[in-house]
Amino acid sequence: MRIGIVVDSACDLPQEFIAEHNIVLLPITVRIGEAVLADHRDEQATLSFLHA
């Protein structure tokens, strides 16, 4: 039997755990005003978006 685990980018799992267990990460969309960012758990991209 095969089991698949899919989580969204707001999950509270360490990146190392996600990679080690081949967990599929689905991005969530962050919208502030007219600006939209697909959050892929890239901390720098998210911070840049929030500060812009």
PDB file of N, CA and C in Angstrom:
ATOM      1  N   MET A   1       0.839  -1.164   0.000  1.00  0.00           N
ATOM      2  CA  MET A   1       0.000   0.000   0.000  1.00  0.00           C
ATOM      3  C   MET A   1       0.897   1.245   0.000  1.00  0.00           C
ATOM      4  N   ARG A   2       0.494   2.260  -0.786  1.00  0.00           N
ATOM      5  CA  ARG A   2       1.231   3.521  -0.823  1.00  0.00           C
ATOM      6  C   ARG A   2       0.419   4.596  -0.127  1.00  0.00           C
ATOM      7  N   ILE A   3       1.097   5.437   0.599  1.00  0.00           N
ATOM      8  CA  ILE A   3       0.455   6.544   1.295  1.00  0.00           C
ATOM      9  C   ILE A   3       1.127   7.830   0.844  1.00  0.00           C
ATOM     10  N   GLY A   4       0.348   8.834   0.528  1.00  0.00           N
ATOM     11  CA  GLY A   4       0.891  10.133   0.146  1.00  0.00           C
ATOM     12  C   GLY A   4       0.510  11.175   1.178  1.00  0.00           C
ATOM     13  N   ILE A   5       1.433  12.062   1.469  1.00  0.00           N
ATOM     14  CA  ILE A   5       1.167  13.152   2.408  1.00  0.00           C
ATOM     15  C   ILE A   5       1.334  14.466   1.660  1.00  0.00           C
ATOM     16  N   VAL A   6       0.314  15.291   1.747  1.00  0.00           N
ATOM     17  CA  VAL A   6       0.333  16.611   1.131  1.00  0.00           C
ATOM     18  C   VAL A   6      -0.019  17.615   2.208  1.00  0.00           C
ATOM     19  N   VAL A   7       0.754  18.688   2.302  1.00  0.00           N
ATOM     20  CA  VAL A   7       0.492  19.745   3.275  1.00  0.00           C
ATOM     21  C   VAL A   7       0.524  21.088   2.558  1.00  0.00           C
ATOM     22  N   ASP A   8      -0.095  22.101   3.159  1.00  0.00           N
ATOM     23  CA  ASP A   8       0.040  23.429   2.562  1.00  0.00           C
ATOM     24  C   ASP A   8       1.217  24.154   3.208  1.00  0.00           C
ATOM     25  N   SER A   9       1.576  25.282   2.631  1.00  0.00           N
ATOM     26  CA  SER A   9       2.793  25.962   3.063  1.00  0.00           C
ATOM     27  C   SER A   9       2.677  26.575   4.454  1.00  0.00           C
ATOM     28  N   ALA A  10       1.507  26.547   5.056  1.00  0.00           N
ATOM     29  CA  ALA A  10       1.345  27.054   6.418  1.00  0.00           C
ATOM     30  C   ALA A  10       1.602  25.975   7.470  1.00  0.00           C
ATOM     31  N   CYS A  11       1.952  24.774   7.032  1.00  0.00           N
ATOM     32  CA  CYS A  11       2.181  23.692   7.993  1.00  0.00           C
ATOM     33  C   CYS A  11       3.372  24.034   8.889  1.00  0.00           C
ATOM     34  N   ASP A  12       3.369  23.453  10.060  1.00  0.00           N
ATOM     35  CA  ASP A  12       4.422  23.734  11.036  1.00  0.00           C
ATOM     36  C   ASP A  12       5.395  22.555  11.089  1.00  0.00           C
ATOM     37  N   LEU A  13       5.973  22.230   9.938  1.00  0.00           N
ATOM     38  CA  LEU A  13       6.952  21.145   9.845  1.00  0.00           C
ATOM     39  C   LEU A  13       8.287  21.721   9.422  1.00  0.00           C
ATOM     40  N   PRO A  14       9.375  21.241   9.984  1.00  0.00           N
ATOM     41  CA  PRO A  14      10.699  21.708   9.549  1.00  0.00           C
ATOM     42  C   PRO A  14      10.970  21.310   8.096  1.00  0.00           C
ATOM     43  N   GLN A  15      11.658  22.173   7.372  1.00  0.00           N
ATOM     44  CA  GLN A  15      11.973  21.900   5.966  1.00  0.00           C
ATOM     45  C   GLN A  15      12.738  20.586   5.812  1.00  0.00           C
ATOM     46  N   GLU A  16      13.612  20.267   6.759  1.00  0.00           N
ATOM     47  CA  GLU A  16      14.380  19.018   6.690  1.00  0.00           C
ATOM     48  C   GLU A  16      13.451  17.806   6.754  1.00  0.00           C
ATOM     49  N   PHE A  17      12.407  17.857   7.587  1.00  0.00           N
ATOM     50  CA  PHE A  17      11.440  16.762   7.711  1.00  0.00           C
ATOM     51  C   PHE A  17      10.664  16.597   6.404  1.00  0.00           C
ATOM     52  N   ILE A  18      10.253  17.717   5.815  1.00  0.00           N
ATOM     53  CA  ILE A  18       9.516  17.678   4.554  1.00  0.00           C
ATOM     54  C   ILE A  18      10.359  17.017   3.473  1.00  0.00           C
ATOM     55  N   ALA A  19      11.619  17.410   3.373  1.00  0.00           N
ATOM     56  CA  ALA A  19      12.512  16.843   2.358  1.00  0.00           C
ATOM     57  C   ALA A  19      12.801  15.371   2.630  1.00  0.00           C
ATOM     58  N   GLU A  20      13.074  15.027   3.866  1.00  0.00           N
ATOM     59  CA  GLU A  20      13.434  13.650   4.229  1.00  0.00           C
ATOM     60  C   GLU A  20      12.315  12.664   3.921  1.00  0.00           C
ATOM     61  N   HIS A  21      11.065  13.098   4.071  1.00  0.00           N
ATOM     62  CA  HIS A  21       9.933  12.199   3.898  1.00  0.00           C
ATOM     63  C   HIS A  21       9.187  12.411   2.581  1.00  0.00           C
ATOM     64  N   ASN A  22       9.784  13.175   1.668  1.00  0.00           N
ATOM     65  CA  ASN A  22       9.199  13.417   0.340  1.00  0.00           C
ATOM     66  C   ASN A  22       7.754  13.893   0.427  1.00  0.00           C
ATOM     67  N   ILE A  23       7.496  14.838   1.329  1.00  0.00           N
ATOM     68  CA  ILE A  23       6.153  15.392   1.497  1.00  0.00           C
ATOM     69  C   ILE A  23       5.936  16.464   0.437  1.00  0.00           C
ATOM     70  N   VAL A  24       4.783  16.406  -0.233  1.00  0.00           N
ATOM     71  CA  VAL A  24       4.449  17.394  -1.252  1.00  0.00           C
ATOM     72  C   VAL A  24       3.887  18.630  -0.566  1.00  0.00           C
ATOM     73  N   LEU A  25       4.422  19.776  -0.915  1.00  0.00           N
ATOM     74  CA  LEU A  25       4.020  21.037  -0.311  1.00  0.00           C
ATOM     75  C   LEU A  25       3.207  21.842  -1.324  1.00  0.00           C
ATOM     76  N   LEU A  26       1.953  22.147  -0.986  1.00  0.00           N
ATOM     77  CA  LEU A  26       1.112  22.975  -1.844  1.00  0.00           C
ATOM     78  C   LEU A  26       1.184  24.415  -1.370  1.00  0.00           C
ATOM     79  N   PRO A  27       1.450  25.348  -2.279  1.00  0.00           N
ATOM     80  CA  PRO A  27       1.540  26.747  -1.863  1.00  0.00           C
ATOM     81  C   PRO A  27       0.163  27.305  -1.521  1.00  0.00           C
ATOM     82  N   ILE A  28       0.133  28.274  -0.624  1.00  0.00           N
ATOM     83  CA  ILE A  28      -1.078  29.042  -0.383  1.00  0.00           C
ATOM     84  C   ILE A  28      -0.847  30.427  -0.959  1.00  0.00           C
ATOM     85  N   THR A  29      -1.910  31.131  -1.246  1.00  0.00           N
ATOM     86  CA  THR A  29      -1.802  32.460  -1.831  1.00  0.00           C
ATOM     87  C   THR A  29      -1.953  33.512  -0.743  1.00  0.00           C
ATOM     88  N   VAL A  30      -0.990  34.424  -0.709  1.00  0.00           N
ATOM     89  CA  VAL A  30      -1.033  35.561   0.212  1.00  0.00           C
ATOM     90  C   VAL A  30      -1.397  36.781  -0.617  1.00  0.00           C
ATOM     91  N   ARG A  31      -2.446  37.478  -0.202  1.00  0.00           N
ATOM     92  CA  ARG A  31      -2.888  38.660  -0.943  1.00  0.00           C
ATOM     93  C   ARG A  31      -2.933  39.845   0.013  1.00  0.00           C
ATOM     94  N   ILE A  32      -2.235  40.903  -0.358  1.00  0.00           N
ATOM     95  CA  ILE A  32      -2.284  42.158   0.392  1.00  0.00           C
ATOM     96  C   ILE A  32      -2.594  43.253  -0.619  1.00  0.00           C
ATOM     97  N   GLY A  33      -3.786  43.802  -0.530  1.00  0.00           N
ATOM     98  CA  GLY A  33      -4.214  44.785  -1.522  1.00  0.00           C
ATOM     99  C   GLY A  33      -4.273  44.138  -2.891  1.00  0.00           C
ATOM    100  N   GLU A  34      -3.591  44.729  -3.848  1.00  0.00           N
ATOM    101  CA  GLU A  34      -3.543  44.181  -5.203  1.00  0.00           C
ATOM    102  C   GLU A  34      -2.386  43.207  -5.395  1.00  0.00           C
ATOM    103  N   ALA A  35      -1.466  43.151  -4.434  1.00  0.00           N
ATOM    104  CA  ALA A  35      -0.293  42.288  -4.555  1.00  0.00           C
ATOM    105  C   ALA A  35      -0.637  40.856  -4.143  1.00  0.00           C
ATOM    106  N   VAL A  36      -0.133  39.897  -4.902  1.00  0.00           N
ATOM    107  CA  VAL A  36      -0.394  38.477  -4.636  1.00  0.00           C
ATOM    108  C   VAL A  36       0.928  37.709  -4.686  1.00  0.00           C
ATOM    109  N   LEU A  37       1.117  36.815  -3.722  1.00  0.00           N
ATOM    110  CA  LEU A  37       2.318  35.975  -3.687  1.00  0.00           C
ATOM    111  C   LEU A  37       1.889  34.538  -3.425  1.00  0.00           C
ATOM    112  N   ALA A  38       2.381  33.609  -4.230  1.00  0.00           N
ATOM    113  CA  ALA A  38       2.184  32.189  -3.942  1.00  0.00           C
ATOM    114  C   ALA A  38       3.284  31.794  -2.975  1.00  0.00           C
ATOM    115  N   ASP A  39       2.901  31.438  -1.755  1.00  0.00           N
ATOM    116  CA  ASP A  39       3.864  31.129  -0.698  1.00  0.00           C
ATOM    117  C   ASP A  39       4.346  29.688  -0.832  1.00  0.00           C
ATOM    118  N   HIS A  40       5.623  29.535  -1.166  1.00  0.00           N
ATOM    119  CA  HIS A  40       6.244  28.214  -1.309  1.00  0.00           C
ATOM    120  C   HIS A  40       7.191  27.927  -0.147  1.00  0.00           C
ATOM    121  N   ARG A  41       7.005  28.623   0.971  1.00  0.00           N
ATOM    122  CA  ARG A  41       7.855  28.510   2.159  1.00  0.00           C
ATOM    123  C   ARG A  41       9.276  28.987   1.905  1.00  0.00           C
ATOM    124  N   ASP A  42       9.411  29.960   1.028  1.00  0.00           N
ATOM    125  CA  ASP A  42      10.698  30.611   0.793  1.00  0.00           C
ATOM    126  C   ASP A  42      10.707  31.851   1.686  1.00  0.00           C
ATOM    127  N   GLU A  43      11.375  31.735   2.823  1.00  0.00           N
ATOM    128  CA  GLU A  43      11.329  32.790   3.838  1.00  0.00           C
ATOM    129  C   GLU A  43      11.746  34.148   3.291  1.00  0.00           C
ATOM    130  N   GLN A  44      12.794  34.187   2.500  1.00  0.00           N
ATOM    131  CA  GLN A  44      13.270  35.461   1.964  1.00  0.00           C
ATOM    132  C   GLN A  44      12.262  36.080   1.001  1.00  0.00           C
ATOM    133  N   ALA A  45      11.660  35.268   0.131  1.00  0.00           N
ATOM    134  CA  ALA A  45      10.658  35.787  -0.806  1.00  0.00           C
ATOM    135  C   ALA A  45       9.443  36.317  -0.058  1.00  0.00           C
ATOM    136  N   THR A  46       9.009  35.611   0.972  1.00  0.00           N
ATOM    137  CA  THR A  46       7.851  36.044   1.757  1.00  0.00           C
ATOM    138  C   THR A  46       8.151  37.341   2.486  1.00  0.00           C
ATOM    139  N   LEU A  47       9.313  37.442   3.109  1.00  0.00           N
ATOM    140  CA  LEU A  47       9.682  38.673   3.816  1.00  0.00           C
ATOM    141  C   LEU A  47       9.810  39.849   2.852  1.00  0.00           C
ATOM    142  N   SER A  48      10.382  39.625   1.682  1.00  0.00           N
ATOM    143  CA  SER A  48      10.505  40.680   0.684  1.00  0.00           C
ATOM    144  C   SER A  48       9.123  41.181   0.261  1.00  0.00           C
ATOM    145  N   PHE A  49       8.195  40.244   0.058  1.00  0.00           N
ATOM    146  CA  PHE A  49       6.827  40.590  -0.322  1.00  0.00           C
ATOM    147  C   PHE A  49       6.159  41.413   0.776  1.00  0.00           C
ATOM    148  N   LEU A  50       6.298  40.985   2.014  1.00  0.00           N
ATOM    149  CA  LEU A  50       5.649  41.682   3.121  1.00  0.00           C
ATOM    150  C   LEU A  50       6.228  43.068   3.369  1.00  0.00           C
ATOM    151  N   HIS A  51       7.516  43.242   3.099  1.00  0.00           N
ATOM    152  CA  HIS A  51       8.164  44.531   3.328  1.00  0.00           C
ATOM    153  C   HIS A  51       7.973  45.496   2.163  1.00  0.00           C
ATOM    154  N   ALA A  52       7.575  44.985   1.009  1.00  0.00           N
ATOM    155  CA  ALA A  52       7.418  45.847  -0.188  1.00  0.00           C
ATOM    156  C   ALA A  52       6.144  46.667  -0.131  1.00  0.00           C
TER     157      ALA A  52
END
